[in-house]
Amino acid sequence: MIDTIIIVIFGIIMIVFAALAVNSKKIVHSAVWLMMFLFTIAASFIFLGASLVGAIELLVFVGAIVTLLVFTLMLTGGKEVE
């Protein structure tokens, strides 16, 4: 029962972070919300017992893709959405 409640809480947090990532006006803030979304996905994998999948999620997506996105945005001077 407690496992179901924790998974539902992770799901609600993921939906909030995804909505913030999509609706944010600043590009760097969107990247940070995307990173937080991916952290919660990794945490839910680890909680469900798939530690390897959670670690791969952290290393590949959070460690590589979001970092590449942030560096790209900072080097190209990403503009705010009006």
PDB file of N, CA and C in Angstrom:
ATOM      1  N   MET A   1       0.820  -1.201   0.000  1.00  0.00           N
ATOM      2  CA  MET A   1       0.000   0.000   0.000  1.00  0.00           C
ATOM      3  C   MET A   1       0.861   1.261   0.000  1.00  0.00           C
ATOM      4  N   ILE A   2       1.887   1.273   0.832  1.00  0.00           N
ATOM      5  CA  ILE A   2       2.752   2.454   0.892  1.00  0.00           C
ATOM      6  C   ILE A   2       3.543   2.617  -0.407  1.00  0.00           C
ATOM      7  N   ASP A   3       3.853   1.469  -1.057  1.00  0.00           N
ATOM      8  CA  ASP A   3       4.559   1.540  -2.341  1.00  0.00           C
ATOM      9  C   ASP A   3       3.715   2.244  -3.395  1.00  0.00           C
ATOM     10  N   THR A   4       2.437   1.942  -3.411  1.00  0.00           N
ATOM     11  CA  THR A   4       1.528   2.575  -4.371  1.00  0.00           C
ATOM     12  C   THR A   4       1.431   4.070  -4.118  1.00  0.00           C
ATOM     13  N   ILE A   5       1.366   4.463  -2.877  1.00  0.00           N
ATOM     14  CA  ILE A   5       1.276   5.885  -2.545  1.00  0.00           C
ATOM     15  C   ILE A   5       2.539   6.625  -2.982  1.00  0.00           C
ATOM     16  N   ILE A   6       3.694   6.018  -2.768  1.00  0.00           N
ATOM     17  CA  ILE A   6       4.950   6.661  -3.160  1.00  0.00           C
ATOM     18  C   ILE A   6       5.049   6.781  -4.675  1.00  0.00           C
ATOM     19  N   ILE A   7       4.633   5.752  -5.406  1.00  0.00           N
ATOM     20  CA  ILE A   7       4.663   5.808  -6.870  1.00  0.00           C
ATOM     21  C   ILE A   7       3.712   6.882  -7.386  1.00  0.00           C
ATOM     22  N   VAL A   8       2.542   7.018  -6.770  1.00  0.00           N
ATOM     23  CA  VAL A   8       1.594   8.068  -7.175  1.00  0.00           C
ATOM     24  C   VAL A   8       2.187   9.451  -6.899  1.00  0.00           C
ATOM     25  N   ILE A   9       2.866   9.604  -5.764  1.00  0.00           N
ATOM     26  CA  ILE A   9       3.499  10.892  -5.450  1.00  0.00           C
ATOM     27  C   ILE A   9       4.595  11.211  -6.463  1.00  0.00           C
ATOM     28  N   PHE A  10       5.426  10.200  -6.814  1.00  0.00           N
ATOM     29  CA  PHE A  10       6.444  10.411  -7.851  1.00  0.00           C
ATOM     30  C   PHE A  10       5.790  10.799  -9.175  1.00  0.00           C
ATOM     31  N   GLY A  11       4.667  10.171  -9.508  1.00  0.00           N
ATOM     32  CA  GLY A  11       3.968  10.493 -10.749  1.00  0.00           C
ATOM     33  C   GLY A  11       3.456  11.923 -10.774  1.00  0.00           C
ATOM     34  N   ILE A  12       2.909  12.372  -9.672  1.00  0.00           N
ATOM     35  CA  ILE A  12       2.408  13.746  -9.589  1.00  0.00           C
ATOM     36  C   ILE A  12       3.565  14.735  -9.702  1.00  0.00           C
ATOM     37  N   ILE A  13       4.673  14.440  -9.027  1.00  0.00           N
ATOM     38  CA  ILE A  13       5.839  15.320  -9.108  1.00  0.00           C
ATOM     39  C   ILE A  13       6.381  15.363 -10.534  1.00  0.00           C
ATOM     40  N   MET A  14       6.391  14.202 -11.212  1.00  0.00           N
ATOM     41  CA  MET A  14       6.860  14.170 -12.603  1.00  0.00           C
ATOM     42  C   MET A  14       5.970  15.018 -13.508  1.00  0.00           C
ATOM     43  N   ILE A  15       4.673  14.944 -13.319  1.00  0.00           N
ATOM     44  CA  ILE A  15       3.753  15.739 -14.138  1.00  0.00           C
ATOM     45  C   ILE A  15       3.977  17.229 -13.904  1.00  0.00           C
ATOM     46  N   VAL A  16       4.193  17.623 -12.662  1.00  0.00           N
ATOM     47  CA  VAL A  16       4.435  19.037 -12.344  1.00  0.00           C
ATOM     48  C   VAL A  16       5.730  19.517 -12.995  1.00  0.00           C
ATOM     49  N   PHE A  17       6.814  18.727 -12.855  1.00  0.00           N
ATOM     50  CA  PHE A  17       8.087  19.133 -13.456  1.00  0.00           C
ATOM     51  C   PHE A  17       8.003  19.188 -14.982  1.00  0.00           C
ATOM     52  N   ALA A  18       7.285  18.247 -15.595  1.00  0.00           N
ATOM     53  CA  ALA A  18       7.136  18.262 -17.053  1.00  0.00           C
ATOM     54  C   ALA A  18       6.344  19.486 -17.506  1.00  0.00           C
ATOM     55  N   ALA A  19       5.291  19.833 -16.778  1.00  0.00           N
ATOM     56  CA  ALA A  19       4.498  21.012 -17.129  1.00  0.00           C
ATOM     57  C   ALA A  19       5.322  22.290 -16.969  1.00  0.00           C
ATOM     58  N   LEU A  20       6.135  22.348 -15.917  1.00  0.00           N
ATOM     59  CA  LEU A  20       6.994  23.520 -15.730  1.00  0.00           C
ATOM     60  C   LEU A  20       8.040  23.620 -16.830  1.00  0.00           C
ATOM     61  N   ALA A  21       8.577  22.488 -17.271  1.00  0.00           N
ATOM     62  CA  ALA A  21       9.577  22.500 -18.339  1.00  0.00           C
ATOM     63  C   ALA A  21       8.983  22.998 -19.655  1.00  0.00           C
ATOM     64  N   VAL A  22       7.754  22.615 -19.916  1.00  0.00           N
ATOM     65  CA  VAL A  22       7.117  23.020 -21.174  1.00  0.00           C
ATOM     66  C   VAL A  22       6.661  24.476 -21.119  1.00  0.00           C
ATOM     67  N   ASN A  23       6.177  24.930 -19.976  1.00  0.00           N
ATOM     68  CA  ASN A  23       5.575  26.256 -19.875  1.00  0.00           C
ATOM     69  C   ASN A  23       6.518  27.354 -19.415  1.00  0.00           C
ATOM     70  N   SER A  24       7.764  27.040 -19.145  1.00  0.00           N
ATOM     71  CA  SER A  24       8.698  28.055 -18.670  1.00  0.00           C
ATOM     72  C   SER A  24       9.069  29.016 -19.799  1.00  0.00           C
ATOM     73  N   LYS A  25       9.183  30.288 -19.463  1.00  0.00           N
ATOM     74  CA  LYS A  25       9.498  31.294 -20.473  1.00  0.00           C
ATOM     75  C   LYS A  25      10.993  31.385 -20.763  1.00  0.00           C
ATOM     76  N   LYS A  26      11.826  31.020 -19.804  1.00  0.00           N
ATOM     77  CA  LYS A  26      13.268  31.065 -20.005  1.00  0.00           C
ATOM     78  C   LYS A  26      13.775  29.677 -20.360  1.00  0.00           C
ATOM     79  N   ILE A  27      14.655  29.622 -21.353  1.00  0.00           N
ATOM     80  CA  ILE A  27      15.119  28.346 -21.869  1.00  0.00           C
ATOM     81  C   ILE A  27      15.962  27.600 -20.835  1.00  0.00           C
ATOM     82  N   VAL A  28      16.803  28.317 -20.111  1.00  0.00           N
ATOM     83  CA  VAL A  28      17.647  27.664 -19.111  1.00  0.00           C
ATOM     84  C   VAL A  28      16.791  27.100 -17.981  1.00  0.00           C
ATOM     85  N   HIS A  29      15.728  27.797 -17.619  1.00  0.00           N
ATOM     86  CA  HIS A  29      14.827  27.277 -16.593  1.00  0.00           C
ATOM     87  C   HIS A  29      14.124  26.014 -17.088  1.00  0.00           C
ATOM     88  N   SER A  30      13.779  25.986 -18.368  1.00  0.00           N
ATOM     89  CA  SER A  30      13.184  24.776 -18.940  1.00  0.00           C
ATOM     90  C   SER A  30      14.146  23.605 -18.852  1.00  0.00           C
ATOM     91  N   ALA A  31      15.429  23.863 -19.106  1.00  0.00           N
ATOM     92  CA  ALA A  31      16.428  22.795 -19.003  1.00  0.00           C
ATOM     93  C   ALA A  31      16.562  22.302 -17.565  1.00  0.00           C
ATOM     94  N   VAL A  32      16.482  23.205 -16.600  1.00  0.00           N
ATOM     95  CA  VAL A  32      16.563  22.796 -15.191  1.00  0.00           C
ATOM     96  C   VAL A  32      15.337  21.973 -14.804  1.00  0.00           C
ATOM     97  N   TRP A  33      14.154  22.372 -15.247  1.00  0.00           N
ATOM     98  CA  TRP A  33      12.946  21.603 -14.948  1.00  0.00           C
ATOM     99  C   TRP A  33      13.000  20.240 -15.622  1.00  0.00           C
ATOM    100  N   LEU A  34      13.550  20.177 -16.846  1.00  0.00           N
ATOM    101  CA  LEU A  34      13.725  18.899 -17.521  1.00  0.00           C
ATOM    102  C   LEU A  34      14.666  18.005 -16.725  1.00  0.00           C
ATOM    103  N   MET A  35      15.735  18.586 -16.186  1.00  0.00           N
ATOM    104  CA  MET A  35      16.669  17.818 -15.371  1.00  0.00           C
ATOM    105  C   MET A  35      15.970  17.278 -14.124  1.00  0.00           C
ATOM    106  N   MET A  36      15.163  18.096 -13.480  1.00  0.00           N
ATOM    107  CA  MET A  36      14.445  17.640 -12.293  1.00  0.00           C
ATOM    108  C   MET A  36      13.448  16.527 -12.648  1.00  0.00           C
ATOM    109  N   PHE A  37      12.815  16.647 -13.806  1.00  0.00           N
ATOM    110  CA  PHE A  37      11.905  15.608 -14.290  1.00  0.00           C
ATOM    111  C   PHE A  37      12.649  14.293 -14.480  1.00  0.00           C
ATOM    112  N   LEU A  38      13.827  14.354 -15.085  1.00  0.00           N
ATOM    113  CA  LEU A  38      14.605  13.143 -15.304  1.00  0.00           C
ATOM    114  C   LEU A  38      15.128  12.564 -13.993  1.00  0.00           C
ATOM    115  N   PHE A  39      15.440  13.419 -13.019  1.00  0.00           N
ATOM    116  CA  PHE A  39      15.833  12.932 -11.690  1.00  0.00           C
ATOM    117  C   PHE A  39      14.684  12.148 -11.043  1.00  0.00           C
ATOM    118  N   THR A  40      13.463  12.641 -11.164  1.00  0.00           N
ATOM    119  CA  THR A  40      12.344  11.930 -10.548  1.00  0.00           C
ATOM    120  C   THR A  40      12.066  10.610 -11.266  1.00  0.00           C
ATOM    121  N   ILE A  41      12.292  10.562 -12.572  1.00  0.00           N
ATOM    122  CA  ILE A  41      12.157   9.292 -13.277  1.00  0.00           C
ATOM    123  C   ILE A  41      13.194   8.299 -12.767  1.00  0.00           C
ATOM    124  N   ALA A  42      14.433   8.758 -12.613  1.00  0.00           N
ATOM    125  CA  ALA A  42      15.485   7.878 -12.103  1.00  0.00           C
ATOM    126  C   ALA A  42      15.179   7.426 -10.678  1.00  0.00           C
ATOM    127  N   ALA A  43      14.666   8.326  -9.858  1.00  0.00           N
ATOM    128  CA  ALA A  43      14.322   7.970  -8.483  1.00  0.00           C
ATOM    129  C   ALA A  43      13.203   6.939  -8.445  1.00  0.00           C
ATOM    130  N   SER A  44      12.232   7.066  -9.329  1.00  0.00           N
ATOM    131  CA  SER A  44      11.156   6.077  -9.348  1.00  0.00           C
ATOM    132  C   SER A  44      11.661   4.728  -9.829  1.00  0.00           C
ATOM    133  N   PHE A  45      12.586   4.699 -10.803  1.00  0.00           N
ATOM    134  CA  PHE A  45      13.186   3.429 -11.211  1.00  0.00           C
ATOM    135  C   PHE A  45      13.946   2.783 -10.063  1.00  0.00           C
ATOM    136  N   ILE A  46      14.715   3.576  -9.346  1.00  0.00           N
ATOM    137  CA  ILE A  46      15.486   3.042  -8.226  1.00  0.00           C
ATOM    138  C   ILE A  46      14.546   2.532  -7.129  1.00  0.00           C
ATOM    139  N   PHE A  47      13.474   3.260  -6.879  1.00  0.00           N
ATOM    140  CA  PHE A  47      12.504   2.829  -5.866  1.00  0.00           C
ATOM    141  C   PHE A  47      11.826   1.520  -6.260  1.00  0.00           C
ATOM    142  N   LEU A  48      11.573   1.333  -7.558  1.00  0.00           N
ATOM    143  CA  LEU A  48      10.905   0.120  -8.021  1.00  0.00           C
ATOM    144  C   LEU A  48      11.836  -1.089  -8.070  1.00  0.00           C
ATOM    145  N   GLY A  49      13.126  -0.873  -7.781  1.00  0.00           N
ATOM    146  CA  GLY A  49      14.055  -1.990  -7.738  1.00  0.00           C
ATOM    147  C   GLY A  49      14.894  -2.145  -8.985  1.00  0.00           C
ATOM    148  N   ALA A  50      14.745  -1.267  -9.940  1.00  0.00           N
ATOM    149  CA  ALA A  50      15.544  -1.314 -11.167  1.00  0.00           C
ATOM    150  C   ALA A  50      16.698  -0.324 -11.018  1.00  0.00           C
ATOM    151  N   SER A  51      17.639  -0.672 -10.164  1.00  0.00           N
ATOM    152  CA  SER A  51      18.736   0.248  -9.847  1.00  0.00           C
ATOM    153  C   SER A  51      19.621   0.526 -11.056  1.00  0.00           C
ATOM    154  N   LEU A  52      19.843  -0.489 -11.883  1.00  0.00           N
ATOM    155  CA  LEU A  52      20.688  -0.299 -13.065  1.00  0.00           C
ATOM    156  C   LEU A  52      20.044   0.682 -14.040  1.00  0.00           C
ATOM    157  N   VAL A  53      18.753   0.540 -14.258  1.00  0.00           N
ATOM    158  CA  VAL A  53      18.045   1.450 -15.165  1.00  0.00           C
ATOM    159  C   VAL A  53      18.052   2.866 -14.597  1.00  0.00           C
ATOM    160  N   GLY A  54      17.879   2.995 -13.294  1.00  0.00           N
ATOM    161  CA  GLY A  54      17.935   4.312 -12.662  1.00  0.00           C
ATOM    162  C   GLY A  54      19.307   4.944 -12.780  1.00  0.00           C
ATOM    163  N   ALA A  55      20.357   4.147 -12.602  1.00  0.00           N
ATOM    164  CA  ALA A  55      21.719   4.672 -12.734  1.00  0.00           C
ATOM    165  C   ALA A  55      22.013   5.078 -14.168  1.00  0.00           C
ATOM    166  N   ILE A  56      21.553   4.283 -15.122  1.00  0.00           N
ATOM    167  CA  ILE A  56      21.751   4.634 -16.533  1.00  0.00           C
ATOM    168  C   ILE A  56      20.988   5.901 -16.868  1.00  0.00           C
ATOM    169  N   GLU A  57      19.789   6.034 -16.330  1.00  0.00           N
ATOM    170  CA  GLU A  57      18.995   7.258 -16.527  1.00  0.00           C
ATOM    171  C   GLU A  57      19.755   8.481 -16.017  1.00  0.00           C
ATOM    172  N   LEU A  58      20.331   8.357 -14.827  1.00  0.00           N
ATOM    173  CA  LEU A  58      21.091   9.476 -14.274  1.00  0.00           C
ATOM    174  C   LEU A  58      22.324   9.791 -15.104  1.00  0.00           C
ATOM    175  N   LEU A  59      23.076   8.767 -15.480  1.00  0.00           N
ATOM    176  CA  LEU A  59      24.318   8.994 -16.217  1.00  0.00           C
ATOM    177  C   LEU A  59      24.070   9.517 -17.626  1.00  0.00           C
ATOM    178  N   VAL A  60      23.179   8.872 -18.341  1.00  0.00           N
ATOM    179  CA  VAL A  60      22.991   9.222 -19.747  1.00  0.00           C
ATOM    180  C   VAL A  60      22.162  10.489 -19.906  1.00  0.00           C
ATOM    181  N   PHE A  61      20.975  10.500 -19.343  1.00  0.00           N
ATOM    182  CA  PHE A  61      20.082  11.623 -19.599  1.00  0.00           C
ATOM    183  C   PHE A  61      20.453  12.861 -18.801  1.00  0.00           C
ATOM    184  N   VAL A  62      20.563  12.721 -17.494  1.00  0.00           N
ATOM    185  CA  VAL A  62      20.860  13.893 -16.669  1.00  0.00           C
ATOM    186  C   VAL A  62      22.312  14.312 -16.851  1.00  0.00           C
ATOM    187  N   GLY A  63      23.203  13.351 -16.855  1.00  0.00           N
ATOM    188  CA  GLY A  63      24.623  13.673 -16.925  1.00  0.00           C
ATOM    189  C   GLY A  63      25.077  14.153 -18.270  1.00  0.00           C
ATOM    190  N   ALA A  64      24.530  13.619 -19.343  1.00  0.00           N
ATOM    191  CA  ALA A  64      25.037  13.945 -20.666  1.00  0.00           C
ATOM    192  C   ALA A  64      24.110  14.860 -21.452  1.00  0.00           C
ATOM    193  N   ILE A  65      22.883  14.464 -21.613  1.00  0.00           N
ATOM    194  CA  ILE A  65      21.993  15.193 -22.516  1.00  0.00           C
ATOM    195  C   ILE A  65      21.627  16.562 -21.975  1.00  0.00           C
ATOM    196  N   VAL A  66      21.247  16.652 -20.707  1.00  0.00           N
ATOM    197  CA  VAL A  66      20.875  17.955 -20.145  1.00  0.00           C
ATOM    198  C   VAL A  66      22.093  18.867 -20.060  1.00  0.00           C
ATOM    199  N   THR A  67      23.248  18.311 -19.722  1.00  0.00           N
ATOM    200  CA  THR A  67      24.466  19.121 -19.692  1.00  0.00           C
ATOM    201  C   THR A  67      24.797  19.646 -21.079  1.00  0.00           C
ATOM    202  N   LEU A  68      24.676  18.813 -22.100  1.00  0.00           N
ATOM    203  CA  LEU A  68      24.895  19.252 -23.474  1.00  0.00           C
ATOM    204  C   LEU A  68      23.890  20.328 -23.870  1.00  0.00           C
ATOM    205  N   LEU A  69      22.649  20.163 -23.453  1.00  0.00           N
ATOM    206  CA  LEU A  69      21.624  21.164 -23.753  1.00  0.00           C
ATOM    207  C   LEU A  69      21.944  22.504 -23.101  1.00  0.00           C
ATOM    208  N   VAL A  70      22.362  22.487 -21.853  1.00  0.00           N
ATOM    209  CA  VAL A  70      22.686  23.735 -21.145  1.00  0.00           C
ATOM    210  C   VAL A  70      23.896  24.415 -21.785  1.00  0.00           C
ATOM    211  N   PHE A  71      24.935  23.645 -22.099  1.00  0.00           N
ATOM    212  CA  PHE A  71      26.107  24.242 -22.752  1.00  0.00           C
ATOM    213  C   PHE A  71      25.749  24.810 -24.122  1.00  0.00           C
ATOM    214  N   THR A  72      24.912  24.108 -24.865  1.00  0.00           N
ATOM    215  CA  THR A  72      24.489  24.612 -26.177  1.00  0.00           C
ATOM    216  C   THR A  72      23.715  25.910 -26.035  1.00  0.00           C
ATOM    217  N   LEU A  73      22.827  25.966 -25.070  1.00  0.00           N
ATOM    218  CA  LEU A  73      22.037  27.183 -24.873  1.00  0.00           C
ATOM    219  C   LEU A  73      22.930  28.354 -24.454  1.00  0.00           C
ATOM    220  N   MET A  74      23.904  28.087 -23.597  1.00  0.00           N
ATOM    221  CA  MET A  74      24.751  29.177 -23.148  1.00  0.00           C
ATOM    222  C   MET A  74      25.711  29.639 -24.243  1.00  0.00           C
ATOM    223  N   LEU A  75      26.177  28.725 -25.086  1.00  0.00           N
ATOM    224  CA  LEU A  75      27.100  29.112 -26.144  1.00  0.00           C
ATOM    225  C   LEU A  75      26.383  29.823 -27.298  1.00  0.00           C
ATOM    226  N   THR A  76      25.143  29.441 -27.581  1.00  0.00           N
ATOM    227  CA  THR A  76      24.437  30.080 -28.667  1.00  0.00           C
ATOM    228  C   THR A  76      23.639  31.299 -28.229  1.00  0.00           C
ATOM    229  N   GLY A  77      23.563  31.542 -26.932  1.00  0.00           N
ATOM    230  CA  GLY A  77      22.829  32.711 -26.436  1.00  0.00           C
ATOM    231  C   GLY A  77      21.346  32.560 -26.645  1.00  0.00           C
ATOM    232  N   GLY A  78      20.756  31.474 -26.126  1.00  0.00           N
ATOM    233  CA  GLY A  78      19.328  31.197 -26.281  1.00  0.00           C
ATOM    234  C   GLY A  78      18.479  32.368 -25.817  1.00  0.00           C
ATOM    235  N   LYS A  79      17.478  32.681 -26.608  1.00  0.00           N
ATOM    236  CA  LYS A  79      16.604  33.814 -26.313  1.00  0.00           C
ATOM    237  C   LYS A  79      15.402  33.373 -25.502  1.00  0.00           C
ATOM    238  N   GLU A  80      14.798  34.313 -24.791  1.00  0.00           N
ATOM    239  CA  GLU A  80      13.572  34.060 -24.050  1.00  0.00           C
ATOM    240  C   GLU A  80      12.390  34.041 -24.997  1.00  0.00           C
ATOM    241  N   VAL A  81      11.386  33.260 -24.651  1.00  0.00           N
ATOM    242  CA  VAL A  81      10.159  33.228 -25.421  1.00  0.00           C
ATOM    243  C   VAL A  81       9.263  34.351 -24.939  1.00  0.00           C
ATOM    244  N   GLU A  82       8.689  35.063 -25.875  1.00  0.00           N
ATOM    245  CA  GLU A  82       7.834  36.209 -25.491  1.00  0.00           C
ATOM    246  C   GLU A  82       6.382  35.842 -25.541  1.00  0.00           C
TER     247      GLU A  82
END
